[in-house]
Amino acid sequence: MNPELITVSEDLLFNYLITRDLPVMEFEIIKHFIPSGNENYAQHSLFVKHFSIYHALYKLKFSAGLKGCYLHMDCMRIRLIHIPGPGLCRHYYPEQGSFCGASTPGDFCIQHLGEYGDYRYSATLDILQDFYTDPGNIVFGDSMILKKLMSGVLIYSFRKKEIDDALRFLGIHKPGRKKITDRYRELAREYHPDKCGGSEEMMKKLNSAYMILKDIYIL
């Protein structure tokens, strides 16, 4: 019997998170919306509860943005907060669960502007968005694919800048295993030292970028 997605009200989830003064952990949200004592949820595995919550969170992320709110998500810190208005720095501190808020003529104050560089005008990458927004993926459970995916997520959390730099080097904004492999082969033909106009240095950079990405994006 295939597991079923547990419905979590988007409105109730919004109201629950927006009233919190600090980031909350995933287990707190599960405990609030999927109480273990409820016989309707008792038979569900921990993964089904986890997937159902993150499916709801990703849906909320889009709708909250239309309301002028930012939803920060990781396994330790989940925070829904109003985005600062014009003239205030929008650099977000995950540990504190707050924006900088310093006066600035742009999006970021002088202190934080340099941290973004090329990221300011590039697409925001989220390797889990496609996974959690597809309700059919709830069947993965304890599969080997899921274990590899979660391993990739852990690596991403520690090597985010390297991974984002590698994606930018390959020129990929919505990554996936096949897209990364196809782009690698395309650039390898261009940069290979044996080719006219090739470059050993660029080939080394390409191989390095590919090695970083292939262990992260498995789907």
C-alpha atoms as a PDB file:
ATOM      1  CA  MET A   1       0.000   0.000   0.000  1.00  0.00           C
ATOM      2  CA  ASN A   2       1.466   3.340  -1.086  1.00  0.00           C
ATOM      3  CA  PRO A   3       1.858   6.039   1.582  1.00  0.00           C
ATOM      4  CA  GLU A   4      -0.474   9.026   1.364  1.00  0.00           C
ATOM      5  CA  LEU A   5       0.372  12.684   1.751  1.00  0.00           C
ATOM      6  CA  ILE A   6      -0.881  14.232   4.993  1.00  0.00           C
ATOM      7  CA  THR A   7      -2.714  17.466   4.248  1.00  0.00           C
ATOM      8  CA  VAL A   8      -1.423  20.488   6.163  1.00  0.00           C
ATOM      9  CA  SER A   9      -3.436  23.710   5.915  1.00  0.00           C
ATOM     10  CA  GLU A  10      -1.399  26.429   4.251  1.00  0.00           C
ATOM     11  CA  ASP A  11      -3.247  29.169   6.146  1.00  0.00           C
ATOM     12  CA  LEU A  12      -2.752  27.487   9.519  1.00  0.00           C
ATOM     13  CA  LEU A  13       0.916  26.859   8.732  1.00  0.00           C
ATOM     14  CA  PHE A  14       1.373  30.521   7.795  1.00  0.00           C
ATOM     15  CA  ASN A  15      -0.303  31.730  11.004  1.00  0.00           C
ATOM     16  CA  TYR A  16       1.727  29.304  13.116  1.00  0.00           C
ATOM     17  CA  LEU A  17       5.096  30.373  11.687  1.00  0.00           C
ATOM     18  CA  ILE A  18       4.521  34.118  11.360  1.00  0.00           C
ATOM     19  CA  THR A  19       3.743  34.412  15.074  1.00  0.00           C
ATOM     20  CA  ARG A  20       7.041  32.808  16.100  1.00  0.00           C
ATOM     21  CA  ASP A  21       9.747  35.210  17.270  1.00  0.00           C
ATOM     22  CA  LEU A  22      12.586  32.782  16.519  1.00  0.00           C
ATOM     23  CA  PRO A  23      13.292  29.977  14.018  1.00  0.00           C
ATOM     24  CA  VAL A  24      11.644  26.646  14.840  1.00  0.00           C
ATOM     25  CA  MET A  25      12.874  23.118  14.236  1.00  0.00           C
ATOM     26  CA  GLU A  26      11.136  20.667  11.949  1.00  0.00           C
ATOM     27  CA  PHE A  27      10.108  18.338  14.773  1.00  0.00           C
ATOM     28  CA  GLU A  28       8.207  21.208  16.423  1.00  0.00           C
ATOM     29  CA  ILE A  29       6.114  21.708  13.298  1.00  0.00           C
ATOM     30  CA  ILE A  30       5.483  17.975  12.949  1.00  0.00           C
ATOM     31  CA  LYS A  31       4.466  17.769  16.594  1.00  0.00           C
ATOM     32  CA  HIS A  32       2.032  20.675  16.175  1.00  0.00           C
ATOM     33  CA  PHE A  33       0.400  19.654  12.889  1.00  0.00           C
ATOM     34  CA  ILE A  34       0.759  15.853  12.974  1.00  0.00           C
ATOM     35  CA  PRO A  35       0.411  14.880  16.650  1.00  0.00           C
ATOM     36  CA  SER A  36       1.607  11.347  17.356  1.00  0.00           C
ATOM     37  CA  GLY A  37      -1.377  10.653  19.596  1.00  0.00           C
ATOM     38  CA  ASN A  38      -3.818  11.132  16.729  1.00  0.00           C
ATOM     39  CA  GLU A  39      -4.913   7.695  15.536  1.00  0.00           C
ATOM     40  CA  ASN A  40      -5.306   9.035  11.995  1.00  0.00           C
ATOM     41  CA  TYR A  41      -1.558   9.719  11.812  1.00  0.00           C
ATOM     42  CA  ALA A  42      -0.159   6.982  14.039  1.00  0.00           C
ATOM     43  CA  GLN A  43       0.385   4.555  11.150  1.00  0.00           C
ATOM     44  CA  HIS A  44       2.430   7.027   9.094  1.00  0.00           C
ATOM     45  CA  SER A  45       6.209   6.679   9.013  1.00  0.00           C
ATOM     46  CA  LEU A  46       8.472   9.516  10.089  1.00  0.00           C
ATOM     47  CA  PHE A  47       9.434  10.091   6.456  1.00  0.00           C
ATOM     48  CA  VAL A  48       5.789  10.499   5.421  1.00  0.00           C
ATOM     49  CA  LYS A  49       5.326  13.110   8.138  1.00  0.00           C
ATOM     50  CA  HIS A  50       8.571  14.827   7.160  1.00  0.00           C
ATOM     51  CA  PHE A  51       7.684  14.832   3.457  1.00  0.00           C
ATOM     52  CA  SER A  52       4.157  16.106   4.120  1.00  0.00           C
ATOM     53  CA  ILE A  53       5.463  19.028   6.175  1.00  0.00           C
ATOM     54  CA  TYR A  54       8.067  20.026   3.594  1.00  0.00           C
ATOM     55  CA  HIS A  55       5.561  19.670   0.773  1.00  0.00           C
ATOM     56  CA  ALA A  56       3.363  22.164   2.639  1.00  0.00           C
ATOM     57  CA  LEU A  57       6.334  24.430   3.405  1.00  0.00           C
ATOM     58  CA  TYR A  58       7.356  24.666  -0.238  1.00  0.00           C
ATOM     59  CA  LYS A  59       3.799  25.530  -1.238  1.00  0.00           C
ATOM     60  CA  LEU A  60       3.777  28.171   1.488  1.00  0.00           C
ATOM     61  CA  LYS A  61       7.122  29.569   0.347  1.00  0.00           C
ATOM     62  CA  PHE A  62       5.623  30.788  -2.916  1.00  0.00           C
ATOM     63  CA  SER A  63       2.388  32.176  -1.497  1.00  0.00           C
ATOM     64  CA  ALA A  64       4.185  33.823   1.437  1.00  0.00           C
ATOM     65  CA  GLY A  65       6.378  35.721  -1.004  1.00  0.00           C
ATOM     66  CA  LEU A  66       3.261  37.291  -2.500  1.00  0.00           C
ATOM     67  CA  LYS A  67       2.418  38.524   0.994  1.00  0.00           C
ATOM     68  CA  GLY A  68       5.823  40.135   1.430  1.00  0.00           C
ATOM     69  CA  CYS A  69       7.241  37.357   3.610  1.00  0.00           C
ATOM     70  CA  TYR A  70      10.400  35.271   3.383  1.00  0.00           C
ATOM     71  CA  LEU A  71      10.401  31.597   4.377  1.00  0.00           C
ATOM     72  CA  HIS A  72      13.805  30.255   5.360  1.00  0.00           C
ATOM     73  CA  MET A  73      14.018  26.474   5.442  1.00  0.00           C
ATOM     74  CA  ASP A  74      16.612  24.052   6.690  1.00  0.00           C
ATOM     75  CA  CYS A  75      16.305  21.080   9.031  1.00  0.00           C
ATOM     76  CA  MET A  76      17.374  23.108  12.063  1.00  0.00           C
ATOM     77  CA  ARG A  77      15.907  26.554  11.410  1.00  0.00           C
ATOM     78  CA  ILE A  78      12.546  27.229   9.775  1.00  0.00           C
ATOM     79  CA  ARG A  79      11.494  30.862   9.881  1.00  0.00           C
ATOM     80  CA  LEU A  80       8.711  32.920   8.297  1.00  0.00           C
ATOM     81  CA  ILE A  81       9.374  36.644   8.536  1.00  0.00           C
ATOM     82  CA  HIS A  82       8.258  39.859   6.873  1.00  0.00           C
ATOM     83  CA  ILE A  83      10.747  41.129   4.274  1.00  0.00           C
ATOM     84  CA  PRO A  84      12.168  44.579   5.084  1.00  0.00           C
ATOM     85  CA  GLY A  85      10.738  47.432   3.066  1.00  0.00           C
ATOM     86  CA  PRO A  86      12.623  49.734   0.656  1.00  0.00           C
ATOM     87  CA  GLY A  87      15.720  51.346   2.091  1.00  0.00           C
ATOM     88  CA  LEU A  88      16.496  48.495   4.494  1.00  0.00           C
ATOM     89  CA  CYS A  89      19.147  45.772   4.075  1.00  0.00           C
ATOM     90  CA  ARG A  90      17.733  42.361   3.167  1.00  0.00           C
ATOM     91  CA  HIS A  91      20.679  40.258   4.284  1.00  0.00           C
ATOM     92  CA  TYR A  92      19.259  37.388   6.360  1.00  0.00           C
ATOM     93  CA  TYR A  93      20.934  35.853   9.421  1.00  0.00           C
ATOM     94  CA  PRO A  94      19.782  32.190   9.647  1.00  0.00           C
ATOM     95  CA  GLU A  95      21.034  31.686  13.202  1.00  0.00           C
ATOM     96  CA  GLN A  96      19.205  34.733  14.538  1.00  0.00           C
ATOM     97  CA  GLY A  97      16.210  34.443  12.247  1.00  0.00           C
ATOM     98  CA  SER A  98      16.293  38.120  11.328  1.00  0.00           C
ATOM     99  CA  PHE A  99      17.244  40.524   8.555  1.00  0.00           C
ATOM    100  CA  CYS A 100      20.042  43.056   8.894  1.00  0.00           C
ATOM    101  CA  GLY A 101      17.643  45.965   8.404  1.00  0.00           C
ATOM    102  CA  ALA A 102      20.365  48.626   8.154  1.00  0.00           C
ATOM    103  CA  SER A 103      19.621  51.707   6.032  1.00  0.00           C
ATOM    104  CA  THR A 104      20.716  51.369   2.409  1.00  0.00           C
ATOM    105  CA  PRO A 105      19.815  52.851  -0.983  1.00  0.00           C
ATOM    106  CA  GLY A 106      19.692  49.355  -2.489  1.00  0.00           C
ATOM    107  CA  ASP A 107      18.845  45.819  -1.351  1.00  0.00           C
ATOM    108  CA  PHE A 108      21.958  45.354   0.805  1.00  0.00           C
ATOM    109  CA  CYS A 109      23.985  47.637   3.049  1.00  0.00           C
ATOM    110  CA  ILE A 110      27.690  48.319   2.488  1.00  0.00           C
ATOM    111  CA  GLN A 111      28.617  45.667   5.058  1.00  0.00           C
ATOM    112  CA  HIS A 112      26.800  42.880   3.192  1.00  0.00           C
ATOM    113  CA  LEU A 113      26.818  43.977  -0.459  1.00  0.00           C
ATOM    114  CA  GLY A 114      30.184  42.350  -1.133  1.00  0.00           C
ATOM    115  CA  GLU A 115      28.972  38.953   0.097  1.00  0.00           C
ATOM    116  CA  TYR A 116      26.597  38.556  -2.811  1.00  0.00           C
ATOM    117  CA  GLY A 117      28.613  39.664  -5.833  1.00  0.00           C
ATOM    118  CA  ASP A 118      27.446  37.698  -8.862  1.00  0.00           C
ATOM    119  CA  TYR A 119      24.690  36.019  -6.828  1.00  0.00           C
ATOM    120  CA  ARG A 120      22.566  39.177  -6.764  1.00  0.00           C
ATOM    121  CA  TYR A 121      21.277  38.691 -10.296  1.00  0.00           C
ATOM    122  CA  SER A 122      21.432  34.903 -10.600  1.00  0.00           C
ATOM    123  CA  ALA A 123      18.645  32.430  -9.976  1.00  0.00           C
ATOM    124  CA  THR A 124      18.213  31.192  -6.419  1.00  0.00           C
ATOM    125  CA  LEU A 125      19.039  27.485  -6.316  1.00  0.00           C
ATOM    126  CA  ASP A 126      17.217  24.971  -4.182  1.00  0.00           C
ATOM    127  CA  ILE A 127      18.120  21.360  -4.861  1.00  0.00           C
ATOM    128  CA  LEU A 128      15.094  20.047  -2.938  1.00  0.00           C
ATOM    129  CA  GLN A 129      12.335  22.145  -4.451  1.00  0.00           C
ATOM    130  CA  ASP A 130      11.492  19.768  -7.297  1.00  0.00           C
ATOM    131  CA  PHE A 131      11.664  16.765  -4.968  1.00  0.00           C
ATOM    132  CA  TYR A 132       9.268  18.027  -2.302  1.00  0.00           C
ATOM    133  CA  THR A 133       6.789  19.758  -4.602  1.00  0.00           C
ATOM    134  CA  ASP A 134       6.103  16.485  -6.422  1.00  0.00           C
ATOM    135  CA  PRO A 135       3.702  14.551  -4.137  1.00  0.00           C
ATOM    136  CA  GLY A 136       4.571  11.318  -5.951  1.00  0.00           C
ATOM    137  CA  ASN A 137       8.006  11.329  -4.319  1.00  0.00           C
ATOM    138  CA  ILE A 138       6.454  10.390  -0.993  1.00  0.00           C
ATOM    139  CA  VAL A 139       6.899   6.746  -2.036  1.00  0.00           C
ATOM    140  CA  PHE A 140      10.702   6.988  -1.762  1.00  0.00           C
ATOM    141  CA  GLY A 141      10.633   6.329   1.967  1.00  0.00           C
ATOM    142  CA  ASP A 142      13.836   4.594   3.047  1.00  0.00           C
ATOM    143  CA  SER A 143      14.976   3.829  -0.491  1.00  0.00           C
ATOM    144  CA  MET A 144      18.624   4.015  -1.478  1.00  0.00           C
ATOM    145  CA  ILE A 145      17.826   6.944  -3.775  1.00  0.00           C
ATOM    146  CA  LEU A 146      16.507   8.907  -0.820  1.00  0.00           C
ATOM    147  CA  LYS A 147      19.570   8.111   1.264  1.00  0.00           C
ATOM    148  CA  LYS A 148      21.800   9.372  -1.551  1.00  0.00           C
ATOM    149  CA  LEU A 149      19.665  12.479  -1.890  1.00  0.00           C
ATOM    150  CA  MET A 150      19.875  13.262   1.810  1.00  0.00           C
ATOM    151  CA  SER A 151      23.628  12.686   1.714  1.00  0.00           C
ATOM    152  CA  GLY A 152      23.811  15.219  -1.096  1.00  0.00           C
ATOM    153  CA  VAL A 153      21.804  17.697   0.956  1.00  0.00           C
ATOM    154  CA  LEU A 154      24.249  17.373   3.849  1.00  0.00           C
ATOM    155  CA  ILE A 155      27.201  17.973   1.540  1.00  0.00           C
ATOM    156  CA  TYR A 156      25.414  20.975   0.012  1.00  0.00           C
ATOM    157  CA  SER A 157      24.899  22.581   3.402  1.00  0.00           C
ATOM    158  CA  PHE A 158      28.665  22.516   4.067  1.00  0.00           C
ATOM    159  CA  ARG A 159      29.902  23.308   0.549  1.00  0.00           C
ATOM    160  CA  LYS A 160      27.210  25.656  -0.747  1.00  0.00           C
ATOM    161  CA  LYS A 161      29.554  28.293  -2.186  1.00  0.00           C
ATOM    162  CA  GLU A 162      31.653  25.697  -4.034  1.00  0.00           C
ATOM    163  CA  ILE A 163      28.527  24.102  -5.469  1.00  0.00           C
ATOM    164  CA  ASP A 164      26.981  27.403  -6.533  1.00  0.00           C
ATOM    165  CA  ASP A 165      30.290  28.437  -8.125  1.00  0.00           C
ATOM    166  CA  ALA A 166      30.420  25.130 -10.001  1.00  0.00           C
ATOM    167  CA  LEU A 167      26.869  25.604 -11.293  1.00  0.00           C
ATOM    168  CA  ARG A 168      27.710  29.120 -12.425  1.00  0.00           C
ATOM    169  CA  PHE A 169      30.852  27.836 -14.195  1.00  0.00           C
ATOM    170  CA  LEU A 170      28.733  25.330 -16.122  1.00  0.00           C
ATOM    171  CA  GLY A 171      26.081  27.976 -16.759  1.00  0.00           C
ATOM    172  CA  ILE A 172      23.239  25.943 -15.223  1.00  0.00           C
ATOM    173  CA  HIS A 173      20.402  27.626 -13.341  1.00  0.00           C
ATOM    174  CA  LYS A 174      18.006  24.702 -12.796  1.00  0.00           C
ATOM    175  CA  PRO A 175      20.282  21.714 -12.199  1.00  0.00           C
ATOM    176  CA  GLY A 176      19.572  18.031 -12.598  1.00  0.00           C
ATOM    177  CA  ARG A 177      21.813  14.999 -13.134  1.00  0.00           C
ATOM    178  CA  LYS A 178      21.177  14.724 -16.879  1.00  0.00           C
ATOM    179  CA  LYS A 179      21.505  18.468 -17.493  1.00  0.00           C
ATOM    180  CA  ILE A 180      24.800  18.581 -15.597  1.00  0.00           C
ATOM    181  CA  THR A 181      26.192  15.580 -17.498  1.00  0.00           C
ATOM    182  CA  ASP A 182      25.092  16.941 -20.893  1.00  0.00           C
ATOM    183  CA  ARG A 183      26.590  20.349 -20.141  1.00  0.00           C
ATOM    184  CA  TYR A 184      29.839  18.761 -18.925  1.00  0.00           C
ATOM    185  CA  ARG A 185      30.211  16.809 -22.178  1.00  0.00           C
ATOM    186  CA  GLU A 186      29.448  19.917 -24.216  1.00  0.00           C
ATOM    187  CA  LEU A 187      32.097  21.990 -22.441  1.00  0.00           C
ATOM    188  CA  ALA A 188      34.596  19.108 -22.421  1.00  0.00           C
ATOM    189  CA  ARG A 189      34.501  19.098 -26.219  1.00  0.00           C
ATOM    190  CA  GLU A 190      35.201  22.830 -26.167  1.00  0.00           C
ATOM    191  CA  TYR A 191      37.934  22.909 -23.510  1.00  0.00           C
ATOM    192  CA  HIS A 192      39.801  19.661 -24.195  1.00  0.00           C
ATOM    193  CA  PRO A 193      43.514  20.462 -24.670  1.00  0.00           C
ATOM    194  CA  ASP A 194      43.657  18.342 -27.830  1.00  0.00           C
ATOM    195  CA  LYS A 195      41.062  20.566 -29.478  1.00  0.00           C
ATOM    196  CA  CYS A 196      41.948  23.740 -31.330  1.00  0.00           C
ATOM    197  CA  GLY A 197      41.473  26.580 -28.860  1.00  0.00           C
ATOM    198  CA  GLY A 198      41.269  24.150 -25.945  1.00  0.00           C
ATOM    199  CA  SER A 199      42.693  24.865 -22.517  1.00  0.00           C
ATOM    200  CA  GLU A 200      44.209  22.515 -19.982  1.00  0.00           C
ATOM    201  CA  GLU A 201      43.456  24.999 -17.193  1.00  0.00           C
ATOM    202  CA  MET A 202      39.774  25.321 -18.182  1.00  0.00           C
ATOM    203  CA  MET A 203      39.508  21.545 -18.504  1.00  0.00           C
ATOM    204  CA  LYS A 204      40.803  21.138 -14.957  1.00  0.00           C
ATOM    205  CA  LYS A 205      38.249  23.660 -13.696  1.00  0.00           C
ATOM    206  CA  LEU A 206      35.499  21.860 -15.593  1.00  0.00           C
ATOM    207  CA  ASN A 207      36.453  18.464 -14.151  1.00  0.00           C
ATOM    208  CA  SER A 208      36.606  19.942 -10.660  1.00  0.00           C
ATOM    209  CA  ALA A 209      33.155  21.507 -11.033  1.00  0.00           C
ATOM    210  CA  TYR A 210      31.704  18.256 -12.363  1.00  0.00           C
ATOM    211  CA  MET A 211      33.176  16.180  -9.542  1.00  0.00           C
ATOM    212  CA  ILE A 212      31.589  18.544  -7.000  1.00  0.00           C
ATOM    213  CA  LEU A 213      28.152  18.411  -8.617  1.00  0.00           C
ATOM    214  CA  LYS A 214      27.800  14.737  -9.520  1.00  0.00           C
ATOM    215  CA  ASP A 215      27.573  13.665  -5.875  1.00  0.00           C
ATOM    216  CA  ILE A 216      24.921  16.278  -5.096  1.00  0.00           C
ATOM    217  CA  TYR A 217      22.436  16.091  -7.951  1.00  0.00           C
ATOM    218  CA  ILE A 218      21.397  12.464  -8.278  1.00  0.00           C
ATOM    219  CA  LEU A 219      17.922  13.001  -9.813  1.00  0.00           C
END
